[in-house]
PDB file of N, CA and C in Angstrom:
ATOM      1  N   CYS A   1     304.012  81.528  56.176  1.00  0.00           N
ATOM      2  CA  CYS A   1     302.931  80.849  56.815  1.00  0.00           C
ATOM      3  C   CYS A   1     303.313  79.759  57.159  1.00  0.00           C
ATOM      4  N   ALA A   2     303.843  78.890  56.936  1.00  0.00           N
ATOM      5  CA  ALA A   2     304.275  77.589  57.500  1.00  0.00           C
ATOM      6  C   ALA A   2     304.804  77.612  58.846  1.00  0.00           C
ATOM      7  N   ASN A   3     305.664  78.905  59.408  1.00  0.00           N
ATOM      8  CA  ASN A   3     306.272  79.125  60.644  1.00  0.00           C
ATOM      9  C   ASN A   3     304.900  79.667  61.709  1.00  0.00           C
ATOM     10  N   ILE A   4     303.832  79.925  61.502  1.00  0.00           N
ATOM     11  CA  ILE A   4     302.747  79.288  62.263  1.00  0.00           C
ATOM     12  C   ILE A   4     302.392  78.227  62.708  1.00  0.00           C
ATOM     13  N   PRO A   5     302.199  77.709  63.815  1.00  0.00           N
ATOM     14  CA  PRO A   5     302.179  76.275  63.939  1.00  0.00           C
ATOM     15  C   PRO A   5     299.842  76.916  64.434  1.00  0.00           C
ATOM     16  N   ALA A   6     300.014  75.283  63.647  1.00  0.00           N
ATOM     17  CA  ALA A   6     298.190  75.578  64.415  1.00  0.00           C
ATOM     18  C   ALA A   6     298.407  74.910  66.091  1.00  0.00           C
ATOM     19  N   SER A   7     296.980  75.810  66.927  1.00  0.00           N
ATOM     20  CA  SER A   7     297.345  75.581  68.041  1.00  0.00           C
ATOM     21  C   SER A   7     295.920  75.792  68.421  1.00  0.00           C
ATOM     22  N   SER A   8     295.733  75.100  69.707  1.00  0.00           N
ATOM     23  CA  SER A   8     293.855  75.581  70.527  1.00  0.00           C
ATOM     24  C   SER A   8     293.976  75.931  71.813  1.00  0.00           C
ATOM     25  N   ILE A   9     293.295  77.064  71.768  1.00  0.00           N
ATOM     26  CA  ILE A   9     292.771  77.676  73.605  1.00  0.00           C
ATOM     27  C   ILE A   9     291.749  77.040  73.394  1.00  0.00           C
ATOM     28  N   ASN A  10     291.964  76.710  74.883  1.00  0.00           N
ATOM     29  CA  ASN A  10     290.554  76.736  75.499  1.00  0.00           C
ATOM     30  C   ASN A  10     290.201  76.884  76.634  1.00  0.00           C
ATOM     31  N   PHE A  11     289.175  77.189  76.272  1.00  0.00           N
ATOM     32  CA  PHE A  11     288.299  77.321  77.706  1.00  0.00           C
ATOM     33  C   PHE A  11     287.809  77.052  78.833  1.00  0.00           C
ATOM     34  N   ALA A  12     287.240  78.124  79.810  1.00  0.00           N
ATOM     35  CA  ALA A  12     286.315  77.242  80.517  1.00  0.00           C
ATOM     36  C   ALA A  12     284.704  77.437  80.770  1.00  0.00           C
ATOM     37  N   ASN A  13     284.565  75.845  81.578  1.00  0.00           N
ATOM     38  CA  ASN A  13     283.044  76.411  81.239  1.00  0.00           C
ATOM     39  C   ASN A  13     282.069  77.695  80.907  1.00  0.00           C
ATOM     40  N   ASN A  14     281.949  78.244  80.172  1.00  0.00           N
ATOM     41  CA  ASN A  14     280.614  79.427  79.960  1.00  0.00           C
ATOM     42  C   ASN A  14     281.723  80.102  80.207  1.00  0.00           C
ATOM     43  N   SER A  15     282.912  79.995  79.594  1.00  0.00           N
ATOM     44  CA  SER A  15     283.609  80.822  80.109  1.00  0.00           C
ATOM     45  C   SER A  15     283.967  81.830  78.196  1.00  0.00           C
ATOM     46  N   SER A  16     283.663  83.225  78.408  1.00  0.00           N
ATOM     47  CA  SER A  16     285.090  84.002  77.267  1.00  0.00           C
ATOM     48  C   SER A  16     286.574  84.434  78.046  1.00  0.00           C
ATOM     49  N   LYS A  17     287.051  84.444  79.057  1.00  0.00           N
ATOM     50  CA  LYS A  17     288.150  84.755  79.811  1.00  0.00           C
ATOM     51  C   LYS A  17     289.379  83.836  79.084  1.00  0.00           C
ATOM     52  N   ILE A  18     289.918  85.089  79.266  1.00  0.00           N
ATOM     53  CA  ILE A  18     291.140  84.223  78.826  1.00  0.00           C
ATOM     54  C   ILE A  18     292.610  84.179  79.917  1.00  0.00           C
ATOM     55  N   SER A  19     292.187  82.630  79.858  1.00  0.00           N
ATOM     56  CA  SER A  19     293.492  82.827  81.087  1.00  0.00           C
ATOM     57  C   SER A  19     294.185  82.753  80.885  1.00  0.00           C
ATOM     58  N   ALA A  20     295.686  82.980  81.231  1.00  0.00           N
ATOM     59  CA  ALA A  20     297.049  83.505  81.735  1.00  0.00           C
ATOM     60  C   ALA A  20     298.036  82.543  80.925  1.00  0.00           C
ATOM     61  N   ALA A  21     297.493  81.454  80.804  1.00  0.00           N
ATOM     62  CA  ALA A  21     297.510  79.920  79.928  1.00  0.00           C
ATOM     63  C   ALA A  21     298.490  80.683  77.946  1.00  0.00           C
ATOM     64  N   ALA A  22     296.399  80.629  78.786  1.00  0.00           N
ATOM     65  CA  ALA A  22     296.370  81.453  76.537  1.00  0.00           C
ATOM     66  C   ALA A  22     297.133  82.711  76.272  1.00  0.00           C
ATOM     67  N   GLN A  23     297.232  83.133  76.940  1.00  0.00           N
ATOM     68  CA  GLN A  23     297.981  84.564  76.851  1.00  0.00           C
ATOM     69  C   GLN A  23     299.214  84.030  76.444  1.00  0.00           C
ATOM     70  N   SER A  24     299.547  83.320  77.059  1.00  0.00           N
ATOM     71  CA  SER A  24     301.251  82.841  76.842  1.00  0.00           C
ATOM     72  C   SER A  24     301.342  82.742  75.971  1.00  0.00           C
ATOM     73  N   GLN A  25     300.347  81.707  75.011  1.00  0.00           N
ATOM     74  CA  GLN A  25     300.142  81.120  73.902  1.00  0.00           C
ATOM     75  C   GLN A  25     299.865  82.008  73.113  1.00  0.00           C
ATOM     76  N   LEU A  26     299.213  82.695  73.425  1.00  0.00           N
ATOM     77  CA  LEU A  26     298.659  83.611  71.667  1.00  0.00           C
ATOM     78  C   LEU A  26     299.599  85.262  71.622  1.00  0.00           C
ATOM     79  N   ALA A  27     300.994  84.644  72.717  1.00  0.00           N
ATOM     80  CA  ALA A  27     301.797  85.986  72.448  1.00  0.00           C
ATOM     81  C   ALA A  27     302.477  84.872  71.700  1.00  0.00           C
ATOM     82  N   ILE A  28     303.007  83.815  71.851  1.00  0.00           N
ATOM     83  CA  ILE A  28     303.499  83.086  70.465  1.00  0.00           C
ATOM     84  C   ILE A  28     303.724  83.870  69.086  1.00  0.00           C
ATOM     85  N   VAL A  29     302.211  82.864  69.000  1.00  0.00           N
ATOM     86  CA  VAL A  29     300.740  82.783  67.534  1.00  0.00           C
ATOM     87  C   VAL A  29     301.336  84.623  67.310  1.00  0.00           C
ATOM     88  N   ALA A  30     301.230  85.274  69.031  1.00  0.00           N
ATOM     89  CA  ALA A  30     301.634  86.851  67.163  1.00  0.00           C
ATOM     90  C   ALA A  30     303.236  87.201  67.291  1.00  0.00           C
ATOM     91  N   ALA A  31     304.154  86.705  68.156  1.00  0.00           N
ATOM     92  CA  ALA A  31     305.343  86.874  68.008  1.00  0.00           C
ATOM     93  C   ALA A  31     305.893  87.049  65.948  1.00  0.00           C
ATOM     94  N   GLN A  32     304.816  84.976  66.309  1.00  0.00           N
ATOM     95  CA  GLN A  32     304.468  84.848  65.016  1.00  0.00           C
ATOM     96  C   GLN A  32     304.388  85.156  63.387  1.00  0.00           C
ATOM     97  N   MET A  33     303.279  85.883  64.089  1.00  0.00           N
ATOM     98  CA  MET A  33     302.918  86.962  63.581  1.00  0.00           C
ATOM     99  C   MET A  33     303.058  88.396  62.914  1.00  0.00           C
ATOM    100  N   GLN A  34     303.969  88.539  63.582  1.00  0.00           N
ATOM    101  CA  GLN A  34     304.627  89.824  63.075  1.00  0.00           C
ATOM    102  C   GLN A  34     305.899  89.686  62.275  1.00  0.00           C
ATOM    103  N   ALA A  35     307.025  88.982  62.801  1.00  0.00           N
ATOM    104  CA  ALA A  35     307.869  88.051  62.498  1.00  0.00           C
ATOM    105  C   ALA A  35     306.881  87.724  60.854  1.00  0.00           C
ATOM    106  N   ASN A  36     305.748  87.185  60.371  1.00  0.00           N
ATOM    107  CA  ASN A  36     305.532  86.857  59.043  1.00  0.00           C
ATOM    108  C   ASN A  36     304.981  87.749  58.941  1.00  0.00           C
ATOM    109  N   PRO A  37     304.377  89.286  58.237  1.00  0.00           N
ATOM    110  CA  PRO A  37     303.251  90.964  58.308  1.00  0.00           C
ATOM    111  C   PRO A  37     303.129  89.972  57.450  1.00  0.00           C
ATOM    112  N   THR A  38     302.896  89.707  55.971  1.00  0.00           N
ATOM    113  CA  THR A  38     302.165  89.040  55.246  1.00  0.00           C
ATOM    114  C   THR A  38     300.785  88.027  55.716  1.00  0.00           C
ATOM    115  N   CYS A  39     300.663  87.056  57.040  1.00  0.00           N
ATOM    116  CA  CYS A  39     300.112  85.954  57.229  1.00  0.00           C
ATOM    117  C   CYS A  39     299.268  86.437  58.275  1.00  0.00           C
ATOM    118  N   LYS A  40     298.148  86.210  57.775  1.00  0.00           N
ATOM    119  CA  LYS A  40     296.944  86.086  58.397  1.00  0.00           C
ATOM    120  C   LYS A  40     296.916  84.639  58.581  1.00  0.00           C
ATOM    121  N   VAL A  41     295.832  85.193  60.065  1.00  0.00           N
ATOM    122  CA  VAL A  41     296.077  83.670  60.851  1.00  0.00           C
ATOM    123  C   VAL A  41     294.180  83.512  60.924  1.00  0.00           C
ATOM    124  N   VAL A  42     293.204  82.358  60.942  1.00  0.00           N
ATOM    125  CA  VAL A  42     291.810  81.776  60.948  1.00  0.00           C
ATOM    126  C   VAL A  42     291.672  81.601  61.616  1.00  0.00           C
ATOM    127  N   VAL A  43     290.969  82.122  62.466  1.00  0.00           N
ATOM    128  CA  VAL A  43     291.093  82.182  64.788  1.00  0.00           C
ATOM    129  C   VAL A  43     289.712  81.316  64.140  1.00  0.00           C
ATOM    130  N   ILE A  44     288.620  79.561  64.424  1.00  0.00           N
ATOM    131  CA  ILE A  44     288.212  79.263  64.513  1.00  0.00           C
ATOM    132  C   ILE A  44     286.901  78.494  65.442  1.00  0.00           C
ATOM    133  N   GLY A  45     286.364  78.832  66.087  1.00  0.00           N
ATOM    134  CA  GLY A  45     285.396  78.903  67.891  1.00  0.00           C
ATOM    135  C   GLY A  45     284.352  77.431  67.129  1.00  0.00           C
ATOM    136  N   ASN A  46     284.156  75.995  68.242  1.00  0.00           N
ATOM    137  CA  ASN A  46     283.886  75.429  68.234  1.00  0.00           C
ATOM    138  C   ASN A  46     282.803  75.396  68.762  1.00  0.00           C
ATOM    139  N   GLY A  47     281.870  74.690  68.635  1.00  0.00           N
ATOM    140  CA  GLY A  47     280.781  75.078  69.642  1.00  0.00           C
ATOM    141  C   GLY A  47     279.035  75.844  68.261  1.00  0.00           C
ATOM    142  N   ASN A  48     277.796  74.875  68.328  1.00  0.00           N
ATOM    143  CA  ASN A  48     276.821  74.649  67.455  1.00  0.00           C
ATOM    144  C   ASN A  48     276.197  74.133  67.569  1.00  0.00           C
ATOM    145  N   GLY A  49     276.038  73.433  69.102  1.00  0.00           N
ATOM    146  CA  GLY A  49     275.398  72.727  69.451  1.00  0.00           C
ATOM    147  C   GLY A  49     273.641  73.658  69.926  1.00  0.00           C
ATOM    148  N   SER A  50     274.042  74.415  70.473  1.00  0.00           N
ATOM    149  CA  SER A  50     272.570  75.301  70.047  1.00  0.00           C
ATOM    150  C   SER A  50     272.658  76.561  70.252  1.00  0.00           C
ATOM    151  N   LYS A  51     271.962  77.633  70.716  1.00  0.00           N
ATOM    152  CA  LYS A  51     272.139  79.249  70.531  1.00  0.00           C
ATOM    153  C   LYS A  51     273.014  79.277  71.238  1.00  0.00           C
ATOM    154  N   VAL A  52     273.125  79.145  72.010  1.00  0.00           N
ATOM    155  CA  VAL A  52     274.515  79.103  73.783  1.00  0.00           C
ATOM    156  C   VAL A  52     275.782  78.693  73.187  1.00  0.00           C
ATOM    157  N   GLN A  53     275.895  77.875  72.954  1.00  0.00           N
ATOM    158  CA  GLN A  53     277.011  77.315  71.712  1.00  0.00           C
ATOM    159  C   GLN A  53     277.850  78.087  71.625  1.00  0.00           C
ATOM    160  N   GLN A  54     276.769  78.269  70.210  1.00  0.00           N
ATOM    161  CA  GLN A  54     277.441  79.300  69.143  1.00  0.00           C
ATOM    162  C   GLN A  54     277.085  80.754  69.786  1.00  0.00           C
ATOM    163  N   GLN A  55     276.889  81.780  70.727  1.00  0.00           N
ATOM    164  CA  GLN A  55     276.725  83.010  70.454  1.00  0.00           C
ATOM    165  C   GLN A  55     278.126  83.185  72.183  1.00  0.00           C
ATOM    166  N   ARG A  56     278.393  81.382  72.665  1.00  0.00           N
ATOM    167  CA  ARG A  56     279.309  81.433  73.083  1.00  0.00           C
ATOM    168  C   ARG A  56     280.948  80.868  71.952  1.00  0.00           C
ATOM    169  N   SER A  57     281.042  80.097  71.204  1.00  0.00           N
ATOM    170  CA  SER A  57     281.914  80.327  69.811  1.00  0.00           C
ATOM    171  C   SER A  57     281.453  81.703  69.797  1.00  0.00           C
ATOM    172  N   TRP A  58     281.455  82.731  69.471  1.00  0.00           N
ATOM    173  CA  TRP A  58     282.152  84.245  68.964  1.00  0.00           C
ATOM    174  C   TRP A  58     282.255  84.737  69.775  1.00  0.00           C
ATOM    175  N   ASP A  59     281.769  84.756  71.115  1.00  0.00           N
ATOM    176  CA  ASP A  59     282.016  85.801  71.946  1.00  0.00           C
ATOM    177  C   ASP A  59     283.337  85.749  72.219  1.00  0.00           C
ATOM    178  N   ARG A  60     284.009  83.900  71.928  1.00  0.00           N
ATOM    179  CA  ARG A  60     285.887  83.408  72.541  1.00  0.00           C
ATOM    180  C   ARG A  60     286.001  84.239  71.234  1.00  0.00           C
ATOM    181  N   VAL A  61     286.099  83.639  69.522  1.00  0.00           N
ATOM    182  CA  VAL A  61     286.716  83.408  68.907  1.00  0.00           C
ATOM    183  C   VAL A  61     286.936  85.623  68.298  1.00  0.00           C
ATOM    184  N   ASN A  62     286.104  85.902  69.281  1.00  0.00           N
ATOM    185  CA  ASN A  62     285.600  87.625  68.672  1.00  0.00           C
ATOM    186  C   ASN A  62     287.749  88.467  70.671  1.00  0.00           C
ATOM    187  N   ALA A  63     286.463  88.157  71.288  1.00  0.00           N
ATOM    188  CA  ALA A  63     287.843  87.631  72.954  1.00  0.00           C
ATOM    189  C   ALA A  63     289.433  87.773  72.306  1.00  0.00           C
ATOM    190  N   ILE A  64     289.706  86.377  71.848  1.00  0.00           N
ATOM    191  CA  ILE A  64     291.087  86.870  71.729  1.00  0.00           C
ATOM    192  C   ILE A  64     291.716  87.505  69.716  1.00  0.00           C
ATOM    193  N   ILE A  65     290.998  87.767  68.751  1.00  0.00           N
ATOM    194  CA  ILE A  65     291.022  88.506  68.019  1.00  0.00           C
ATOM    195  C   ILE A  65     290.902  90.297  68.580  1.00  0.00           C
ATOM    196  N   GLU A  66     290.064  90.027  69.506  1.00  0.00           N
ATOM    197  CA  GLU A  66     290.146  91.787  70.451  1.00  0.00           C
ATOM    198  C   GLU A  66     291.442  91.463  71.432  1.00  0.00           C
ATOM    199  N   TYR A  67     292.075  91.012  71.872  1.00  0.00           N
ATOM    200  CA  TYR A  67     292.805  90.316  72.536  1.00  0.00           C
ATOM    201  C   TYR A  67     294.517  90.642  71.331  1.00  0.00           C
ATOM    202  N   MET A  68     294.432  89.920  70.654  1.00  0.00           N
ATOM    203  CA  MET A  68     295.559  89.891  69.508  1.00  0.00           C
ATOM    204  C   MET A  68     295.474  91.730  69.129  1.00  0.00           C
ATOM    205  N   SER A  69     294.370  92.371  69.061  1.00  0.00           N
ATOM    206  CA  SER A  69     294.284  93.731  68.636  1.00  0.00           C
ATOM    207  C   SER A  69     294.791  94.206  69.332  1.00  0.00           C
ATOM    208  N   GLU A  70     294.096  94.662  70.964  1.00  0.00           N
ATOM    209  CA  GLU A  70     294.203  95.075  71.735  1.00  0.00           C
ATOM    210  C   GLU A  70     295.918  94.899  72.833  1.00  0.00           C
ATOM    211  N   LYS A  71     296.432  93.870  73.287  1.00  0.00           N
ATOM    212  CA  LYS A  71     297.156  93.348  73.624  1.00  0.00           C
ATOM    213  C   LYS A  71     298.600  93.128  72.968  1.00  0.00           C
ATOM    214  N   ASN A  72     298.330  92.736  71.470  1.00  0.00           N
ATOM    215  CA  ASN A  72     299.314  92.116  70.974  1.00  0.00           C
ATOM    216  C   ASN A  72     299.613  92.800  69.982  1.00  0.00           C
ATOM    217  N   GLY A  73     299.210  93.559  69.551  1.00  0.00           N
ATOM    218  CA  GLY A  73     299.621  94.979  68.223  1.00  0.00           C
ATOM    219  C   GLY A  73     299.290  94.111  66.565  1.00  0.00           C
ATOM    220  N   VAL A  74     298.172  93.263  66.592  1.00  0.00           N
ATOM    221  CA  VAL A  74     298.372  92.263  65.278  1.00  0.00           C
ATOM    222  C   VAL A  74     297.281  93.394  64.994  1.00  0.00           C
ATOM    223  N   ASP A  75     297.635  93.938  64.209  1.00  0.00           N
ATOM    224  CA  ASP A  75     296.110  94.725  63.817  1.00  0.00           C
ATOM    225  C   ASP A  75     294.818  93.891  63.071  1.00  0.00           C
ATOM    226  N   ARG A  76     293.212  94.206  63.259  1.00  0.00           N
ATOM    227  CA  ARG A  76     292.424  92.960  63.738  1.00  0.00           C
ATOM    228  C   ARG A  76     291.862  93.062  61.693  1.00  0.00           C
ATOM    229  N   GLY A  77     292.585  93.157  60.664  1.00  0.00           N
ATOM    230  CA  GLY A  77     292.241  92.516  59.246  1.00  0.00           C
ATOM    231  C   GLY A  77     292.851  92.121  58.781  1.00  0.00           C
ATOM    232  N   ARG A  78     294.610  91.262  59.761  1.00  0.00           N
ATOM    233  CA  ARG A  78     295.272  89.996  59.876  1.00  0.00           C
ATOM    234  C   ARG A  78     294.543  88.914  60.203  1.00  0.00           C
ATOM    235  N   PHE A  79     292.535  88.879  60.276  1.00  0.00           N
ATOM    236  CA  PHE A  79     292.437  87.495  61.419  1.00  0.00           C
ATOM    237  C   PHE A  79     290.945  87.804  60.474  1.00  0.00           C
ATOM    238  N   ILE A  80     290.555  86.084  60.213  1.00  0.00           N
ATOM    239  CA  ILE A  80     289.703  85.479  59.658  1.00  0.00           C
ATOM    240  C   ILE A  80     289.071  84.524  60.519  1.00  0.00           C
ATOM    241  N   PHE A  81     288.198  85.302  60.502  1.00  0.00           N
ATOM    242  CA  PHE A  81     286.657  85.212  61.778  1.00  0.00           C
ATOM    243  C   PHE A  81     285.927  83.976  61.573  1.00  0.00           C
ATOM    244  N   GLN A  82     285.943  82.654  63.084  1.00  0.00           N
ATOM    245  CA  GLN A  82     284.996  82.356  62.088  1.00  0.00           C
ATOM    246  C   GLN A  82     284.263  81.570  63.455  1.00  0.00           C
ATOM    247  N   TYR A  83     282.907  81.362  63.176  1.00  0.00           N
ATOM    248  CA  TYR A  83     282.883  79.939  64.803  1.00  0.00           C
ATOM    249  C   TYR A  83     281.673  79.670  64.229  1.00  0.00           C
ATOM    250  N   GLY A  84     280.939  78.768  65.498  1.00  0.00           N
ATOM    251  CA  GLY A  84     279.978  78.436  65.519  1.00  0.00           C
ATOM    252  C   GLY A  84     280.349  76.607  64.844  1.00  0.00           C
ATOM    253  N   GLN A  85     281.750  76.186  64.716  1.00  0.00           N
ATOM    254  CA  GLN A  85     281.987  75.067  63.951  1.00  0.00           C
ATOM    255  C   GLN A  85     281.759  73.586  65.318  1.00  0.00           C
ATOM    256  N   SER A  86     281.664  72.398  64.802  1.00  0.00           N
ATOM    257  CA  SER A  86     281.014  71.251  65.252  1.00  0.00           C
ATOM    258  C   SER A  86     282.813  71.351  66.343  1.00  0.00           C
ATOM    259  N   GLY A  87     283.284  70.702  67.136  1.00  0.00           N
ATOM    260  CA  GLY A  87     283.893  70.350  67.712  1.00  0.00           C
ATOM    261  C   GLY A  87     284.372  70.714  69.000  1.00  0.00           C
ATOM    262  N   ASP A  88     285.251  70.512  69.674  1.00  0.00           N
ATOM    263  CA  ASP A  88     284.614  70.679  71.531  1.00  0.00           C
ATOM    264  C   ASP A  88     284.748  72.175  71.816  1.00  0.00           C
ATOM    265  N   ALA A  89     284.246  72.645  72.526  1.00  0.00           N
ATOM    266  CA  ALA A  89     282.984  73.719  72.578  1.00  0.00           C
ATOM    267  C   ALA A  89     283.071  74.960  73.363  1.00  0.00           C
ATOM    268  N   ASN A  90     284.499  74.068  74.019  1.00  0.00           N
ATOM    269  CA  ASN A  90     285.275  74.925  74.778  1.00  0.00           C
ATOM    270  C   ASN A  90     286.337  75.338  74.118  1.00  0.00           C
ATOM    271  N   SER A  91     286.758  74.662  72.830  1.00  0.00           N
ATOM    272  CA  SER A  91     288.098  75.426  72.312  1.00  0.00           C
ATOM    273  C   SER A  91     287.777  76.528  71.301  1.00  0.00           C
ATOM    274  N   VAL A  92     288.773  77.596  70.519  1.00  0.00           N
ATOM    275  CA  VAL A  92     289.130  77.178  70.065  1.00  0.00           C
ATOM    276  C   VAL A  92     290.836  76.900  69.313  1.00  0.00           C
ATOM    277  N   MET A  93     290.605  76.767  67.762  1.00  0.00           N
ATOM    278  CA  MET A  93     291.187  76.460  67.237  1.00  0.00           C
ATOM    279  C   MET A  93     292.210  78.100  66.133  1.00  0.00           C
ATOM    280  N   LEU A  94     293.197  78.042  66.413  1.00  0.00           N
ATOM    281  CA  LEU A  94     293.855  79.184  65.033  1.00  0.00           C
ATOM    282  C   LEU A  94     294.015  78.039  64.262  1.00  0.00           C
ATOM    283  N   ARG A  95     295.052  78.904  63.030  1.00  0.00           N
ATOM    284  CA  ARG A  95     295.895  78.151  62.446  1.00  0.00           C
ATOM    285  C   ARG A  95     296.235  79.152  61.109  1.00  0.00           C
ATOM    286  N   ALA A  96     297.394  79.012  60.784  1.00  0.00           N
ATOM    287  CA  ALA A  96     297.694  79.762  60.155  1.00  0.00           C
ATOM    288  C   ALA A  96     296.379  79.573  58.430  1.00  0.00           C
ATOM    289  N   ALA A  97     296.328  81.119  57.060  1.00  0.00           N
ATOM    290  CA  ALA A  97     295.616  81.264  56.398  1.00  0.00           C
ATOM    291  C   ALA A  97     296.512  80.256  54.927  1.00  0.00           C
ATOM    292  N   ALA A  98     295.165  79.671  53.467  1.00  0.00           N
ATOM    293  CA  ALA A  98     296.057  79.516  52.711  1.00  0.00           C
ATOM    294  C   ALA A  98     296.408  80.756  52.528  1.00  0.00           C
ATOM    295  N   SER A  99     297.449  80.407  51.048  1.00  0.00           N
ATOM    296  CA  SER A  99     297.772  82.309  49.972  1.00  0.00           C
ATOM    297  C   SER A  99     296.731  82.193  49.989  1.00  0.00           C
ATOM    298  N   ASP A 100     295.601  82.119  50.134  1.00  0.00           N
ATOM    299  CA  ASP A 100     294.342  82.823  49.143  1.00  0.00           C
ATOM    300  C   ASP A 100     293.489  82.282  49.349  1.00  0.00           C
ATOM    301  N   GLU A 101     293.170  81.823  51.007  1.00  0.00           N
ATOM    302  CA  GLU A 101     292.416  81.665  51.781  1.00  0.00           C
ATOM    303  C   GLU A 101     291.563  83.504  52.447  1.00  0.00           C
ATOM    304  N   GLU A 102     290.212  83.522  52.225  1.00  0.00           N
ATOM    305  CA  GLU A 102     289.975  84.490  52.854  1.00  0.00           C
ATOM    306  C   GLU A 102     288.216  84.702  53.690  1.00  0.00           C
ATOM    307  N   GLY A 103     288.538  85.756  53.958  1.00  0.00           N
ATOM    308  CA  GLY A 103     287.076  85.369  54.932  1.00  0.00           C
ATOM    309  C   GLY A 103     287.233  86.184  55.913  1.00  0.00           C
ATOM    310  N   PRO A 104     285.900  86.935  56.426  1.00  0.00           N
ATOM    311  CA  PRO A 104     285.449  88.282  57.133  1.00  0.00           C
ATOM    312  C   PRO A 104     286.217  88.369  58.401  1.00  0.00           C
ATOM    313  N   THR A 105     286.415  88.904  58.859  1.00  0.00           N
ATOM    314  CA  THR A 105     286.985  89.923  59.668  1.00  0.00           C
ATOM    315  C   THR A 105     286.529  89.648  60.809  1.00  0.00           C
ATOM    316  N   ASN A 106     285.927  90.544  60.738  1.00  0.00           N
ATOM    317  CA  ASN A 106     284.555  90.559  61.587  1.00  0.00           C
ATOM    318  C   ASN A 106     283.057  89.946  61.287  1.00  0.00           C
ATOM    319  N   VAL A 107     283.099  89.767  62.859  1.00  0.00           N
ATOM    320  CA  VAL A 107     281.066  88.885  61.654  1.00  0.00           C
ATOM    321  C   VAL A 107     280.367  89.792  63.443  1.00  0.00           C
ATOM    322  N   ALA A 108     279.322  90.029  62.218  1.00  0.00           N
ATOM    323  CA  ALA A 108     277.548  90.197  64.223  1.00  0.00           C
ATOM    324  C   ALA A 108     277.283  88.667  64.412  1.00  0.00           C
ATOM    325  N   PRO A 109     277.976  88.633  66.151  1.00  0.00           N
ATOM    326  CA  PRO A 109     276.759  87.944  67.183  1.00  0.00           C
ATOM    327  C   PRO A 109     276.052  87.856  66.531  1.00  0.00           C
ATOM    328  N   PRO A 110     275.747  86.252  66.806  1.00  0.00           N
ATOM    329  CA  PRO A 110     274.261  85.003  66.279  1.00  0.00           C
ATOM    330  C   PRO A 110     272.612  86.272  67.193  1.00  0.00           C
ATOM    331  N   PHE A 111     273.585  85.997  69.163  1.00  0.00           N
ATOM    332  CA  PHE A 111     271.896  85.977  68.933  1.00  0.00           C
ATOM    333  C   PHE A 111     272.421  86.849  70.608  1.00  0.00           C
ATOM    334  N   PRO A 112     272.933  87.793  69.600  1.00  0.00           N
ATOM    335  CA  PRO A 112     273.461  88.513  71.082  1.00  0.00           C
ATOM    336  C   PRO A 112     272.837  88.513  72.570  1.00  0.00           C
ATOM    337  N   ASN A 113     271.328  88.813  72.201  1.00  0.00           N
ATOM    338  CA  ASN A 113     270.789  89.283  73.731  1.00  0.00           C
ATOM    339  C   ASN A 113     270.871  87.365  74.661  1.00  0.00           C
ATOM    340  N   LEU A 114     270.392  87.258  73.983  1.00  0.00           N
ATOM    341  CA  LEU A 114     271.042  85.367  74.716  1.00  0.00           C
ATOM    342  C   LEU A 114     271.447  86.336  76.501  1.00  0.00           C
ATOM    343  N   LYS A 115     271.062  85.549  77.594  1.00  0.00           N
ATOM    344  CA  LYS A 115     270.540  85.830  78.936  1.00  0.00           C
ATOM    345  C   LYS A 115     272.630  85.135  79.125  1.00  0.00           C
ATOM    346  N   LYS A 116     273.391  85.323  79.463  1.00  0.00           N
ATOM    347  CA  LYS A 116     274.979  84.949  79.450  1.00  0.00           C
ATOM    348  C   LYS A 116     275.160  84.036  81.235  1.00  0.00           C
TER     349      LYS A 116
END
């Protein structure tokens, strides 16, 4: 899993749309994951200052995992879903999971009824 370097995906304010630049980054991560079929990746959404930030953090992590699964064919079960962490609220971090690291592959949205 050491072949999968840590990376950061940046989003525009108030958006969970994956940009073309982010799609290129994710294609590289997907290729590395496909070359290492036992590795998992932790997807960490930042933004914990408010309910809106927490929901947006969840939306962005979910968008990345769905994109990787649907567009790149990486099994959703190979991702560990984390959101609402401290850090730049417009970024999502990806890193290789430790060999014994486990976590949820899907998490219910924290505030699904917030207006977008």
